[in-house]
């Protein structure tokens, strides 16, 4: 028996699928009275992606039950990415996740995919340290880094730091000694807010950073957390600013230098 899950505009739904597939091609969707939770774990287990959509945000949703299943995110995104200006209805039956676009019906089989308990990560790691920055400014940083060829990243070091001043991003090419320093601090208009209780600095995979940071198509603002002890990076894109905020979230483990 088919059940309506929710309806979203195509642009938002495609951004959600795009965000998840940057980490893995498959994901788990959890349905509950609280809303929709989609998450995935990278194969190297160094990164996570999560999208939370509260019930109040979902047009027409009535999710009064619990269910958990896997699906092919990349296949769904590839099929839906041209429908940015159309509302899409998402349905579920016993065997498939279904996307209804006008008279088109796109079905993707339910998969056996392991779910990562992100709520345990949130419960055990202190993410109180954060700054909020304009996404377009972070996109400029990523655009500069993308101008370099992939081979230039070998042996390079990418560091992010939070302090009482704000956010500092540093890229160093250890072969050429090139150093790029980007500061988002008190007097910089691109820094919107900060709540840094403990200074912390850590290195991260630049390949991952290029995929998860500066995604201005997701949200106008980006909230960046770094946990002081574990140095886990948490990147949050609010989809709106309601009381129960729908959001796209990435988690990235620090890079251990050889």
Protein backbone atom coordinates (compact mmCIF):
# COMPACT_ATOMS: atom_id res chain seq x y z
CA UNK A 1 0.00 0.00 0.00
CA UNK A 2 1.37 3.39 -1.01
CA UNK A 3 1.79 6.17 1.53
CA UNK A 4 2.39 9.84 0.84
CA UNK A 5 5.58 10.97 2.56
CA UNK A 6 5.89 14.62 1.59
CA UNK A 7 5.89 17.16 -1.22
CA UNK A 8 8.73 19.59 -1.94
CA UNK A 9 9.68 21.99 -4.70
CA UNK A 10 12.11 20.37 -7.11
CA UNK A 11 14.99 22.76 -6.38
CA UNK A 12 15.00 21.98 -2.66
CA UNK A 13 14.63 18.24 -3.16
CA UNK A 14 17.43 18.16 -5.72
CA UNK A 15 19.73 20.14 -3.40
CA UNK A 16 19.02 17.58 -0.67
CA UNK A 17 19.84 14.64 -2.93
CA UNK A 18 22.92 16.44 -4.27
CA UNK A 19 24.18 17.09 -0.75
CA UNK A 20 23.83 13.44 0.27
CA UNK A 21 25.44 11.99 -2.87
CA UNK A 22 28.58 14.07 -2.29
CA UNK A 23 29.37 11.60 0.50
CA UNK A 24 27.88 8.32 -0.77
CA UNK A 25 25.65 7.07 -3.58
CA UNK A 26 23.23 5.34 -1.18
CA UNK A 27 21.55 6.56 1.99
CA UNK A 28 19.07 5.65 4.70
CA UNK A 29 15.76 7.47 5.07
CA UNK A 30 14.11 7.40 8.49
CA UNK A 31 10.43 8.28 8.82
CA UNK A 32 8.97 9.28 12.20
CA UNK A 33 6.36 11.63 13.67
CA UNK A 34 9.20 14.15 14.01
CA UNK A 35 9.84 14.24 10.26
CA UNK A 36 12.22 12.87 7.65
CA UNK A 37 15.87 12.09 8.41
CA UNK A 38 18.21 11.08 5.55
CA UNK A 39 21.80 10.14 6.31
CA UNK A 40 24.81 8.39 4.82
CA UNK A 41 28.33 7.39 5.86
CA UNK A 42 31.31 7.63 3.50
CA UNK A 43 32.99 4.38 2.52
CA UNK A 44 36.21 5.55 4.21
CA UNK A 45 34.10 6.37 7.31
CA UNK A 46 35.66 9.82 7.56
CA UNK A 47 32.56 11.79 6.61
CA UNK A 48 28.81 11.83 7.20
CA UNK A 49 25.95 13.67 5.58
CA UNK A 50 22.53 14.22 7.13
CA UNK A 51 19.37 16.04 6.09
CA UNK A 52 16.61 16.65 8.61
CA UNK A 53 13.17 17.83 7.48
CA UNK A 54 10.72 18.42 10.37
CA UNK A 55 7.08 17.56 9.74
CA UNK A 56 6.03 21.20 9.99
CA UNK A 57 8.28 21.98 7.00
CA UNK A 58 6.87 19.27 4.74
CA UNK A 59 3.90 20.22 2.59
CA UNK A 60 1.02 17.87 3.31
CA UNK A 61 3.01 15.33 5.31
CA UNK A 62 1.31 13.19 7.94
CA UNK A 63 4.03 10.90 9.20
CA UNK A 64 2.38 9.16 12.14
CA UNK A 65 4.50 6.00 11.95
CA UNK A 66 8.14 4.88 11.96
CA UNK A 67 10.04 3.24 9.12
CA UNK A 68 13.66 3.00 8.00
CA UNK A 69 14.98 1.97 4.57
CA UNK A 70 17.82 2.52 2.11
CA UNK A 71 17.70 3.91 -1.43
CA UNK A 72 19.98 4.90 -4.31
CA UNK A 73 20.45 8.66 -3.92
CA UNK A 74 22.57 9.14 -7.03
CA UNK A 75 20.07 7.38 -9.28
CA UNK A 76 17.24 9.48 -7.87
CA UNK A 77 19.20 12.72 -8.29
CA UNK A 78 20.22 11.89 -11.86
CA UNK A 79 16.56 11.26 -12.75
CA UNK A 80 15.15 14.34 -10.99
CA UNK A 81 17.80 17.03 -11.47
CA UNK A 82 16.06 18.58 -14.50
CA UNK A 83 12.85 19.16 -12.50
CA UNK A 84 13.99 22.21 -10.53
CA UNK A 85 10.82 24.24 -11.14
CA UNK A 86 8.25 21.55 -10.44
CA UNK A 87 6.76 20.32 -7.17
CA UNK A 88 7.62 16.68 -6.51
CA UNK A 89 5.54 14.29 -4.43
CA UNK A 90 7.40 11.51 -2.62
CA UNK A 91 5.59 8.25 -1.89
CA UNK A 92 6.54 4.88 -0.42
CA UNK A 93 5.26 1.35 -0.85
CA UNK A 94 6.58 -1.99 0.38
CA UNK A 95 9.19 -2.27 -2.37
CA UNK A 96 10.03 1.18 -3.69
CA UNK A 97 10.55 4.87 -3.03
CA UNK A 98 8.47 6.75 -5.60
CA UNK A 99 8.81 10.27 -6.99
CA UNK A 100 5.73 11.64 -8.72
CA UNK A 101 6.46 14.57 -11.08
CA UNK A 102 3.28 15.65 -12.87
CA UNK A 103 2.37 12.52 -14.89
CA UNK A 104 5.85 10.99 -14.52
CA UNK A 105 6.34 8.25 -11.95
CA UNK A 106 9.92 7.33 -11.01
CA UNK A 107 10.41 4.28 -8.77
CA UNK A 108 13.61 3.26 -6.99
CA UNK A 109 13.83 -0.05 -5.11
CA UNK A 110 14.27 -0.14 -1.36
CA UNK A 111 17.79 -1.26 -0.43
CA UNK A 112 19.44 -2.85 2.58
CA UNK A 113 21.72 -0.04 3.76
CA UNK A 114 23.27 0.29 7.20
CA UNK A 115 22.27 3.38 9.15
CA UNK A 116 24.77 5.38 11.20
CA UNK A 117 23.47 6.51 14.64
CA UNK A 118 24.15 10.24 14.19
CA UNK A 119 22.14 11.02 17.30
CA UNK A 120 24.80 9.19 19.35
CA UNK A 121 27.53 11.30 17.74
CA UNK A 122 25.61 14.47 18.58
CA UNK A 123 25.04 13.24 22.12
CA UNK A 124 28.69 12.45 22.80
CA UNK A 125 30.54 15.27 20.99
CA UNK A 126 30.53 18.93 22.06
CA UNK A 127 29.69 21.09 19.05
CA UNK A 128 29.15 24.32 21.03
CA UNK A 129 32.06 26.00 19.20
CA UNK A 130 30.75 27.62 16.02
CA UNK A 131 30.71 30.61 13.70
CA UNK A 132 28.16 31.57 11.05
CA UNK A 133 29.50 32.88 7.74
CA UNK A 134 27.94 33.98 4.46
CA UNK A 135 27.97 31.01 2.10
CA UNK A 136 28.95 33.14 -0.90
CA UNK A 137 32.16 34.18 0.87
CA UNK A 138 33.07 30.55 1.57
CA UNK A 139 32.22 29.75 -2.04
CA UNK A 140 34.90 32.27 -3.10
CA UNK A 141 37.46 30.36 -1.02
CA UNK A 142 36.47 27.05 -2.60
CA UNK A 143 36.57 28.59 -6.10
CA UNK A 144 40.15 29.72 -5.51
CA UNK A 145 41.18 26.27 -4.29
CA UNK A 146 39.48 24.54 -7.22
CA UNK A 147 41.62 26.54 -9.66
CA UNK A 148 44.55 24.39 -8.63
CA UNK A 149 44.99 21.04 -10.33
CA UNK A 150 44.30 17.91 -8.31
CA UNK A 151 48.00 17.03 -8.27
CA UNK A 152 48.68 20.22 -6.33
CA UNK A 153 46.76 18.79 -3.37
CA UNK A 154 49.27 15.99 -2.85
CA UNK A 155 51.25 16.89 0.22
CA UNK A 156 49.17 20.03 0.81
CA UNK A 157 47.64 20.96 4.14
CA UNK A 158 44.20 22.48 4.73
CA UNK A 159 43.52 23.87 8.20
CA UNK A 160 40.48 25.45 9.81
CA UNK A 161 40.66 27.31 13.11
CA UNK A 162 38.07 28.81 15.45
CA UNK A 163 39.08 31.44 18.00
CA UNK A 164 37.62 34.43 19.82
CA UNK A 165 38.29 36.44 16.64
CA UNK A 166 36.28 34.14 14.40
CA UNK A 167 37.23 31.70 11.61
CA UNK A 168 40.58 31.23 9.87
CA UNK A 169 41.12 28.99 6.83
CA UNK A 170 44.66 28.21 5.65
CA UNK A 171 45.83 26.25 2.61
CA UNK A 172 49.54 25.43 2.31
CA UNK A 173 51.20 23.71 -0.64
CA UNK A 174 54.21 22.07 0.98
CA UNK A 175 55.99 21.61 -2.37
CA UNK A 176 55.84 25.22 -3.55
CA UNK A 177 55.45 26.85 -0.10
CA UNK A 178 52.41 28.74 -1.41
CA UNK A 179 50.19 29.79 1.49
CA UNK A 180 46.62 31.06 1.18
CA UNK A 181 45.07 32.57 4.29
CA UNK A 182 41.37 33.48 4.57
CA UNK A 183 40.12 35.23 7.71
CA UNK A 184 36.50 35.77 8.73
CA UNK A 185 36.85 37.87 11.87
CA UNK A 186 35.07 40.55 13.90
CA UNK A 187 35.45 43.41 11.45
CA UNK A 188 34.74 41.24 8.41
CA UNK A 189 31.13 41.66 7.24
CA UNK A 190 31.04 38.05 6.00
CA UNK A 191 31.10 36.80 9.60
CA UNK A 192 27.50 36.81 10.80
CA UNK A 193 27.77 35.29 14.30
CA UNK A 194 30.19 33.43 16.54
CA UNK A 195 30.08 31.40 19.73
CA UNK A 196 33.61 30.15 20.30
CA UNK A 197 34.22 29.02 23.86
CA UNK A 198 37.48 27.20 23.22
CA UNK A 199 40.04 27.87 20.47
CA UNK A 200 40.63 24.88 18.20
CA UNK A 201 42.54 24.21 14.99
CA UNK A 202 42.63 21.09 12.83
CA UNK A 203 43.48 19.81 9.36
CA UNK A 204 40.94 18.21 7.02
CA UNK A 205 40.92 16.41 3.68
CA UNK A 206 40.84 19.06 0.99
CA UNK A 207 39.08 16.65 -1.38
CA UNK A 208 36.22 16.45 1.13
CA UNK A 209 36.27 20.19 1.84
CA UNK A 210 35.85 21.01 -1.86
CA UNK A 211 32.64 18.97 -1.84
CA UNK A 212 31.03 20.14 1.39
CA UNK A 213 32.05 23.77 1.95
CA UNK A 214 30.87 26.88 0.12
CA UNK A 215 27.62 25.36 -1.16
CA UNK A 216 25.76 28.63 -1.56
CA UNK A 217 23.02 26.85 -3.53
CA UNK A 218 22.02 25.08 -0.31
CA UNK A 219 21.70 28.12 1.95
CA UNK A 220 22.60 31.78 2.21
CA UNK A 221 24.45 31.11 5.47
CA UNK A 222 26.81 28.37 6.68
CA UNK A 223 27.36 27.46 10.32
CA UNK A 224 30.76 25.91 11.04
CA UNK A 225 31.39 23.93 14.23
CA UNK A 226 34.64 22.29 15.38
CA UNK A 227 34.55 20.14 18.50
CA UNK A 228 37.53 21.02 20.76
CA UNK A 229 38.38 17.48 21.86
CA UNK A 230 37.76 15.29 18.79
CA UNK A 231 38.27 18.16 16.29
CA UNK A 232 35.31 16.95 14.24
CA UNK A 233 34.14 19.51 11.70
CA UNK A 234 30.39 20.04 11.44
CA UNK A 235 29.05 22.14 8.55
CA UNK A 236 25.38 23.16 8.72
CA UNK A 237 23.25 24.68 5.95
CA UNK A 238 19.87 25.88 7.34
CA UNK A 239 17.12 25.46 4.74
CA UNK A 240 15.03 28.08 6.51
CA UNK A 241 15.01 29.76 9.91
CA UNK A 242 11.90 28.39 11.56
CA UNK A 243 11.81 27.16 15.16
CA UNK A 244 12.36 23.56 14.02
CA UNK A 245 14.95 24.25 11.36
CA UNK A 246 15.26 21.91 8.39
CA UNK A 247 18.94 21.57 7.57
CA UNK A 248 21.68 19.89 5.57
CA UNK A 249 24.58 18.82 7.78
CA UNK A 250 28.04 17.39 7.08
CA UNK A 251 30.42 15.85 9.62
CA UNK A 252 34.11 15.42 8.77
CA UNK A 253 36.82 13.75 10.84
CA UNK A 254 40.16 15.50 11.17
CA UNK A 255 42.93 14.41 8.83
CA UNK A 256 45.74 12.51 10.47
CA UNK A 257 49.04 13.71 9.02
CA UNK A 258 51.54 11.04 8.00
